[in-house]
N, C-alpha and C. Protein backbone atom coordinates (compact mmCIF):
# COMPACT_ATOMS: atom_id res chain seq x y z
N MET A 1 -11.28 -2.15 33.48
CA MET A 1 -10.22 -1.54 32.66
C MET A 1 -9.06 -0.64 33.41
N LYS A 2 -7.94 -0.77 33.59
CA LYS A 2 -7.08 -0.18 34.40
C LYS A 2 -6.13 0.55 33.40
N MET A 3 -6.26 2.14 33.75
CA MET A 3 -5.55 2.91 32.95
C MET A 3 -4.52 3.49 33.79
N ASP A 4 -3.26 3.96 33.25
CA ASP A 4 -2.43 4.65 33.99
C ASP A 4 -2.43 5.95 33.56
N TYR A 5 -2.06 6.92 34.44
CA TYR A 5 -2.14 8.42 34.10
C TYR A 5 -1.09 8.93 34.28
N THR A 6 -0.65 10.07 33.46
CA THR A 6 0.47 10.97 33.89
C THR A 6 0.27 12.52 34.35
N LEU A 7 0.63 12.81 35.64
CA LEU A 7 0.34 14.37 35.71
C LEU A 7 1.14 15.19 35.10
N ALA A 8 0.54 16.08 34.41
CA ALA A 8 1.33 17.30 33.75
C ALA A 8 0.57 18.69 33.70
N GLY A 9 1.51 19.31 34.67
CA GLY A 9 0.81 20.56 35.63
C GLY A 9 -0.32 19.90 36.20
N ASP A 10 -1.57 20.63 35.85
CA ASP A 10 -2.92 20.29 36.83
C ASP A 10 -3.62 19.39 36.00
N TYR A 11 -3.44 18.67 35.18
CA TYR A 11 -4.06 17.74 34.40
C TYR A 11 -3.40 16.07 34.42
N TYR A 12 -4.53 15.28 34.35
CA TYR A 12 -3.85 13.97 34.02
C TYR A 12 -3.93 13.60 32.82
N ILE A 13 -3.13 13.04 32.34
CA ILE A 13 -3.21 12.51 30.96
C ILE A 13 -3.06 11.16 30.75
N PRO A 14 -3.83 10.52 30.13
CA PRO A 14 -3.77 8.92 30.00
C PRO A 14 -2.56 8.25 29.12
N ASN A 15 -1.81 7.45 29.72
CA ASN A 15 -0.47 6.85 29.03
C ASN A 15 -1.08 6.03 28.22
N LEU A 16 -0.83 6.31 26.70
CA LEU A 16 -1.45 5.67 25.72
C LEU A 16 -0.36 5.10 25.04
N GLU A 17 -0.56 3.75 24.42
CA GLU A 17 0.43 3.31 23.50
C GLU A 17 -0.24 2.74 22.43
N LEU A 18 0.17 2.67 21.06
CA LEU A 18 -0.31 2.18 19.98
C LEU A 18 0.54 0.88 19.85
N PRO A 19 -0.06 -0.10 19.11
CA PRO A 19 0.16 -1.41 18.74
C PRO A 19 1.25 -1.39 18.02
N GLN A 20 2.69 -2.01 18.27
CA GLN A 20 3.70 -1.87 17.16
C GLN A 20 3.52 -2.88 16.11
N GLU A 21 3.90 -2.41 15.20
CA GLU A 21 3.78 -3.20 13.56
C GLU A 21 4.76 -2.95 13.02
N SER A 22 5.56 -4.19 12.68
CA SER A 22 6.79 -4.26 12.03
C SER A 22 6.78 -4.32 10.73
N ARG A 23 5.81 -4.49 9.91
CA ARG A 23 5.34 -4.58 8.42
C ARG A 23 5.40 -3.07 7.96
N PRO A 24 6.57 -3.14 6.76
CA PRO A 24 6.79 -1.84 6.09
C PRO A 24 5.07 -1.59 5.38
N ILE A 25 4.66 -0.09 5.27
CA ILE A 25 3.45 0.23 4.34
C ILE A 25 4.00 0.30 3.00
N GLY A 26 5.15 0.47 2.64
CA GLY A 26 5.88 0.36 0.99
C GLY A 26 5.29 1.69 0.41
N LYS A 27 5.57 1.45 -0.84
CA LYS A 27 4.70 2.33 -1.94
C LYS A 27 3.36 2.73 -1.98
N TRP A 28 2.37 1.57 -1.94
CA TRP A 28 1.14 1.65 -1.92
C TRP A 28 0.45 2.00 -0.81
N GLY A 29 0.95 1.78 0.28
CA GLY A 29 0.46 2.41 1.38
C GLY A 29 0.96 3.83 1.77
N ARG A 30 1.97 4.29 1.38
CA ARG A 30 2.21 5.57 1.36
C ARG A 30 1.12 6.39 0.57
N MET A 31 0.99 6.01 -0.58
CA MET A 31 -0.12 6.56 -1.69
C MET A 31 -1.25 6.40 -1.03
N HIS A 32 -1.77 5.62 -0.13
CA HIS A 32 -3.10 5.37 -0.08
C HIS A 32 -3.18 6.51 1.47
N ARG A 33 -2.17 6.59 2.46
CA ARG A 33 -2.30 6.99 3.26
C ARG A 33 -2.29 8.93 2.84
N HIS A 34 -1.78 9.07 1.83
CA HIS A 34 -1.79 10.42 1.39
C HIS A 34 -3.19 10.69 0.98
N TYR A 35 -3.94 9.55 0.19
CA TYR A 35 -4.95 9.92 -0.56
C TYR A 35 -6.16 10.12 0.71
N LEU A 36 -5.80 9.32 1.74
CA LEU A 36 -6.72 9.30 2.98
C LEU A 36 -6.76 10.76 3.62
N GLU A 37 -5.44 10.97 3.86
CA GLU A 37 -5.22 12.72 4.30
C GLU A 37 -6.01 13.50 3.90
N THR A 38 -5.90 13.51 2.56
CA THR A 38 -6.17 14.54 1.41
C THR A 38 -7.67 14.62 1.41
N TYR A 39 -8.52 13.34 0.92
CA TYR A 39 -9.84 13.32 0.59
C TYR A 39 -10.59 12.65 1.37
N HIS A 40 -10.24 11.80 2.51
CA HIS A 40 -11.10 11.30 3.64
C HIS A 40 -10.46 11.52 4.81
N PRO A 41 -10.45 12.79 5.21
CA PRO A 41 -9.41 13.39 6.58
C PRO A 41 -10.85 12.30 7.86
N ILE A 42 -11.60 12.12 7.49
CA ILE A 42 -12.49 11.59 9.17
C ILE A 42 -12.11 10.23 9.07
N ARG A 43 -11.82 9.42 7.76
CA ARG A 43 -11.51 8.03 8.11
C ARG A 43 -10.23 7.98 8.52
N TYR A 44 -9.18 8.59 8.03
CA TYR A 44 -7.78 8.83 8.41
C TYR A 44 -7.66 8.97 9.98
N ASN A 45 -8.23 9.92 10.32
CA ASN A 45 -8.12 10.22 11.88
C ASN A 45 -9.21 9.18 12.76
N GLN A 46 -9.90 8.26 12.39
CA GLN A 46 -10.67 7.22 13.10
C GLN A 46 -9.33 6.20 12.81
N LEU A 47 -8.72 5.77 11.69
CA LEU A 47 -7.66 4.73 11.95
C LEU A 47 -6.40 5.22 12.53
N ILE A 48 -6.24 6.40 12.81
CA ILE A 48 -4.96 6.95 13.66
C ILE A 48 -5.62 7.00 15.33
N LEU A 49 -6.57 7.29 15.35
CA LEU A 49 -7.30 7.26 16.85
C LEU A 49 -7.20 5.90 17.37
N SER A 50 -7.72 4.74 16.55
CA SER A 50 -8.15 3.35 16.97
C SER A 50 -6.72 2.64 16.99
N GLY A 51 -5.75 3.10 16.63
CA GLY A 51 -4.53 2.65 16.51
C GLY A 51 -4.29 1.35 15.20
N THR A 52 -5.16 1.80 14.29
CA THR A 52 -4.98 0.48 13.47
C THR A 52 -4.62 1.20 11.93
N LEU A 53 -3.96 2.22 11.83
CA LEU A 53 -3.60 2.68 10.79
C LEU A 53 -2.34 2.07 9.99
N TRP A 54 -1.29 1.91 10.65
CA TRP A 54 -0.49 0.94 10.26
C TRP A 54 -0.46 -0.41 9.81
N THR A 55 -1.23 -1.17 10.51
CA THR A 55 -1.85 -2.41 10.03
C THR A 55 -2.55 -2.23 8.69
N TYR A 56 -3.55 -1.46 8.62
CA TYR A 56 -4.20 -1.26 7.51
C TYR A 56 -3.53 -0.90 6.57
N LEU A 57 -2.37 -0.22 6.55
CA LEU A 57 -1.75 0.45 5.32
C LEU A 57 -0.98 -0.71 4.94
N ALA A 58 -0.10 -1.34 6.03
CA ALA A 58 0.41 -2.53 5.67
C ALA A 58 -0.19 -3.74 4.68
N ASP A 59 -1.29 -3.86 5.22
CA ASP A 59 -2.46 -4.92 4.69
C ASP A 59 -2.53 -4.53 3.34
N LEU A 60 -3.00 -3.37 3.08
CA LEU A 60 -3.12 -2.85 1.74
C LEU A 60 -1.88 -2.77 0.80
N ASN A 61 -0.86 -2.77 1.26
CA ASN A 61 0.39 -2.87 0.59
C ASN A 61 0.75 -4.06 0.05
N GLU A 62 0.43 -5.05 1.00
CA GLU A 62 0.57 -6.53 0.78
C GLU A 62 -0.49 -6.87 -0.42
N GLN A 63 -1.56 -6.57 -0.40
CA GLN A 63 -2.97 -7.16 -1.16
C GLN A 63 -2.29 -6.34 -2.47
N ALA A 64 -1.75 -4.84 -2.65
CA ALA A 64 -1.63 -4.29 -3.78
C ALA A 64 -0.61 -4.80 -4.34
N GLN A 65 0.92 -5.33 -3.79
CA GLN A 65 2.09 -5.85 -4.41
C GLN A 65 1.72 -7.28 -5.06
N ALA A 66 0.54 -8.03 -4.35
CA ALA A 66 0.03 -9.47 -4.93
C ALA A 66 -0.65 -8.98 -6.20
N ARG A 67 -1.58 -8.25 -6.04
CA ARG A 67 -2.37 -7.80 -7.33
C ARG A 67 -1.60 -7.36 -8.41
N MET A 68 -0.44 -6.74 -8.28
CA MET A 68 0.47 -6.36 -9.30
C MET A 68 0.91 -7.49 -9.91
N GLU A 69 1.68 -8.46 -9.25
CA GLU A 69 2.22 -9.38 -9.69
C GLU A 69 1.36 -10.65 -10.25
N THR A 70 0.20 -10.64 -9.93
CA THR A 70 -0.75 -11.29 -10.92
C THR A 70 -1.07 -10.72 -12.11
N LEU A 71 -1.47 -9.51 -12.03
CA LEU A 71 -1.83 -8.62 -13.04
C LEU A 71 -0.53 -8.86 -14.42
N ILE A 72 0.58 -8.36 -13.88
CA ILE A 72 1.73 -8.83 -14.61
C ILE A 72 1.86 -10.10 -15.35
N GLU A 73 1.61 -10.98 -14.60
CA GLU A 73 1.81 -12.54 -15.12
C GLU A 73 0.69 -12.82 -16.16
N GLN A 74 -0.24 -12.24 -15.76
CA GLN A 74 -1.49 -12.47 -16.72
C GLN A 74 -1.31 -11.58 -18.25
N MET A 75 -1.01 -10.50 -17.75
CA MET A 75 -0.51 -9.65 -19.17
C MET A 75 0.58 -10.05 -19.79
N LYS A 76 1.54 -10.78 -19.31
CA LYS A 76 2.70 -11.35 -20.02
C LYS A 76 2.35 -12.62 -20.83
N THR A 77 1.54 -13.57 -20.20
CA THR A 77 0.94 -14.27 -20.96
C THR A 77 0.03 -14.15 -22.07
N ALA A 78 -0.90 -13.24 -21.80
CA ALA A 78 -1.89 -12.56 -23.16
C ALA A 78 -1.19 -12.04 -24.14
N GLU A 79 0.15 -11.31 -23.71
CA GLU A 79 0.84 -10.81 -24.93
C GLU A 79 1.90 -11.59 -25.44
N GLY A 80 2.19 -12.72 -24.72
CA GLY A 80 3.09 -13.73 -25.58
C GLY A 80 4.71 -13.46 -24.96
N ILE A 81 4.50 -12.67 -24.12
CA ILE A 81 6.30 -12.28 -23.51
C ILE A 81 6.82 -13.40 -23.01
N THR A 82 7.83 -13.85 -23.61
CA THR A 82 8.42 -15.12 -22.78
C THR A 82 9.87 -14.82 -22.62
N GLU A 83 10.68 -15.72 -21.99
CA GLU A 83 12.04 -15.63 -21.91
C GLU A 83 12.85 -15.81 -23.03
N SER A 84 12.03 -16.49 -24.24
CA SER A 84 12.97 -16.68 -25.37
C SER A 84 13.14 -15.03 -26.42
N LEU A 85 11.90 -14.39 -25.88
CA LEU A 85 11.96 -12.92 -26.45
C LEU A 85 13.05 -12.15 -26.00
N LYS A 86 13.09 -12.22 -24.41
CA LYS A 86 13.87 -11.67 -23.61
C LYS A 86 15.82 -11.96 -24.29
N ALA A 87 15.75 -13.19 -24.50
CA ALA A 87 16.99 -13.70 -24.94
C ALA A 87 17.26 -13.01 -26.54
N ALA A 88 16.41 -13.13 -27.43
CA ALA A 88 16.25 -12.69 -28.66
C ALA A 88 16.44 -11.46 -29.00
N ASP A 89 15.64 -10.48 -28.13
CA ASP A 89 15.64 -9.19 -28.53
C ASP A 89 15.50 -8.49 -27.03
N PRO A 90 16.31 -8.11 -26.39
CA PRO A 90 16.06 -7.68 -25.06
C PRO A 90 15.59 -6.37 -24.76
N MET A 91 15.71 -5.56 -25.73
CA MET A 91 15.17 -4.16 -25.72
C MET A 91 13.82 -4.07 -25.68
N ALA A 92 13.22 -5.11 -26.55
CA ALA A 92 11.76 -5.25 -27.09
C ALA A 92 11.12 -5.77 -25.92
N TRP A 93 12.11 -6.60 -25.21
CA TRP A 93 11.30 -7.13 -23.94
C TRP A 93 11.26 -6.22 -23.01
N VAL A 94 12.24 -5.36 -22.28
CA VAL A 94 12.08 -4.17 -21.52
C VAL A 94 11.12 -3.36 -21.82
N GLN A 95 10.87 -2.70 -23.00
CA GLN A 95 10.09 -1.98 -23.63
C GLN A 95 8.47 -2.48 -23.27
N ARG A 96 8.29 -3.82 -23.67
CA ARG A 96 6.72 -4.26 -23.55
C ARG A 96 6.66 -4.49 -22.03
N MET A 97 7.94 -4.84 -21.29
CA MET A 97 7.53 -5.12 -19.71
C MET A 97 7.26 -3.89 -19.09
N ASN A 98 8.01 -2.85 -19.45
CA ASN A 98 7.65 -1.54 -18.98
C ASN A 98 6.28 -0.99 -19.28
N CYS A 99 5.65 -1.14 -20.28
CA CYS A 99 4.27 -0.88 -20.89
C CYS A 99 3.42 -1.79 -19.96
N ILE A 100 3.66 -3.02 -19.82
CA ILE A 100 2.88 -3.88 -19.00
C ILE A 100 2.80 -3.29 -17.42
N ARG A 101 4.10 -3.02 -16.61
CA ARG A 101 4.40 -2.62 -15.49
C ARG A 101 3.47 -1.31 -15.13
N ALA A 102 3.47 -0.56 -16.21
CA ALA A 102 2.96 0.88 -16.30
C ALA A 102 1.31 0.48 -16.12
N ARG A 103 0.94 -0.32 -16.97
CA ARG A 103 -0.85 -0.39 -17.22
C ARG A 103 -0.97 -1.41 -15.85
N ALA A 104 -0.22 -2.14 -15.17
CA ALA A 104 -0.86 -3.02 -13.94
C ALA A 104 -0.94 -1.90 -13.09
N GLU A 105 0.12 -1.07 -12.83
CA GLU A 105 0.08 0.06 -11.73
C GLU A 105 -1.19 0.87 -11.95
N GLU A 106 -1.50 1.42 -12.93
CA GLU A 106 -2.64 2.01 -13.44
C GLU A 106 -3.92 1.50 -12.49
N ILE A 107 -4.11 0.11 -13.01
CA ILE A 107 -5.17 -0.75 -12.70
C ILE A 107 -5.33 -0.93 -10.91
N VAL A 108 -4.08 -1.30 -10.50
CA VAL A 108 -3.66 -1.22 -8.80
C VAL A 108 -4.42 0.23 -8.25
N ARG A 109 -3.77 1.22 -8.81
CA ARG A 109 -3.97 2.57 -8.26
C ARG A 109 -5.56 2.78 -8.03
N GLU A 110 -6.33 2.56 -9.31
CA GLU A 110 -7.66 2.85 -9.31
C GLU A 110 -8.47 1.80 -8.78
N GLU A 111 -8.02 0.52 -8.69
CA GLU A 111 -8.95 -0.74 -7.81
C GLU A 111 -8.70 -0.52 -6.25
N LEU A 112 -7.51 -0.26 -5.58
CA LEU A 112 -7.07 -0.53 -4.45
C LEU A 112 -6.93 0.99 -3.69
N ILE A 113 -6.02 1.77 -4.57
CA ILE A 113 -5.60 3.06 -3.58
C ILE A 113 -6.34 3.93 -3.81
N PHE A 114 -6.90 4.49 -4.81
CA PHE A 114 -7.64 5.84 -4.72
C PHE A 114 -9.45 5.38 -4.66
N VAL A 115 -9.48 4.84 -3.69
CA VAL A 115 -11.13 4.23 -3.58
C VAL A 115 -11.28 4.50 -2.31
């Protein structure tokens, strides 16, 4: 394994580069990063030092977003919220959808983010 070094004063420091990740970490990734920093600092440092933190958080964000969409659709079907309700009574539709979204976010936080 060939490694390049930079001379800094009397010390040689290795030139390390992190892999570039273009996917965003989003809301769920930021929440999980804060959770790791606060409650699991060793795991957080391992991910940083291995260069996989951003990829890990981007994957988690995608999983959480997919889970949210699935939960919302399942809850809408179970509670009978349809487009006809949206057309007939928009305020009731918004109220019920906000309730569903809040419950789905709570489930995702407990299942994926704060574990």
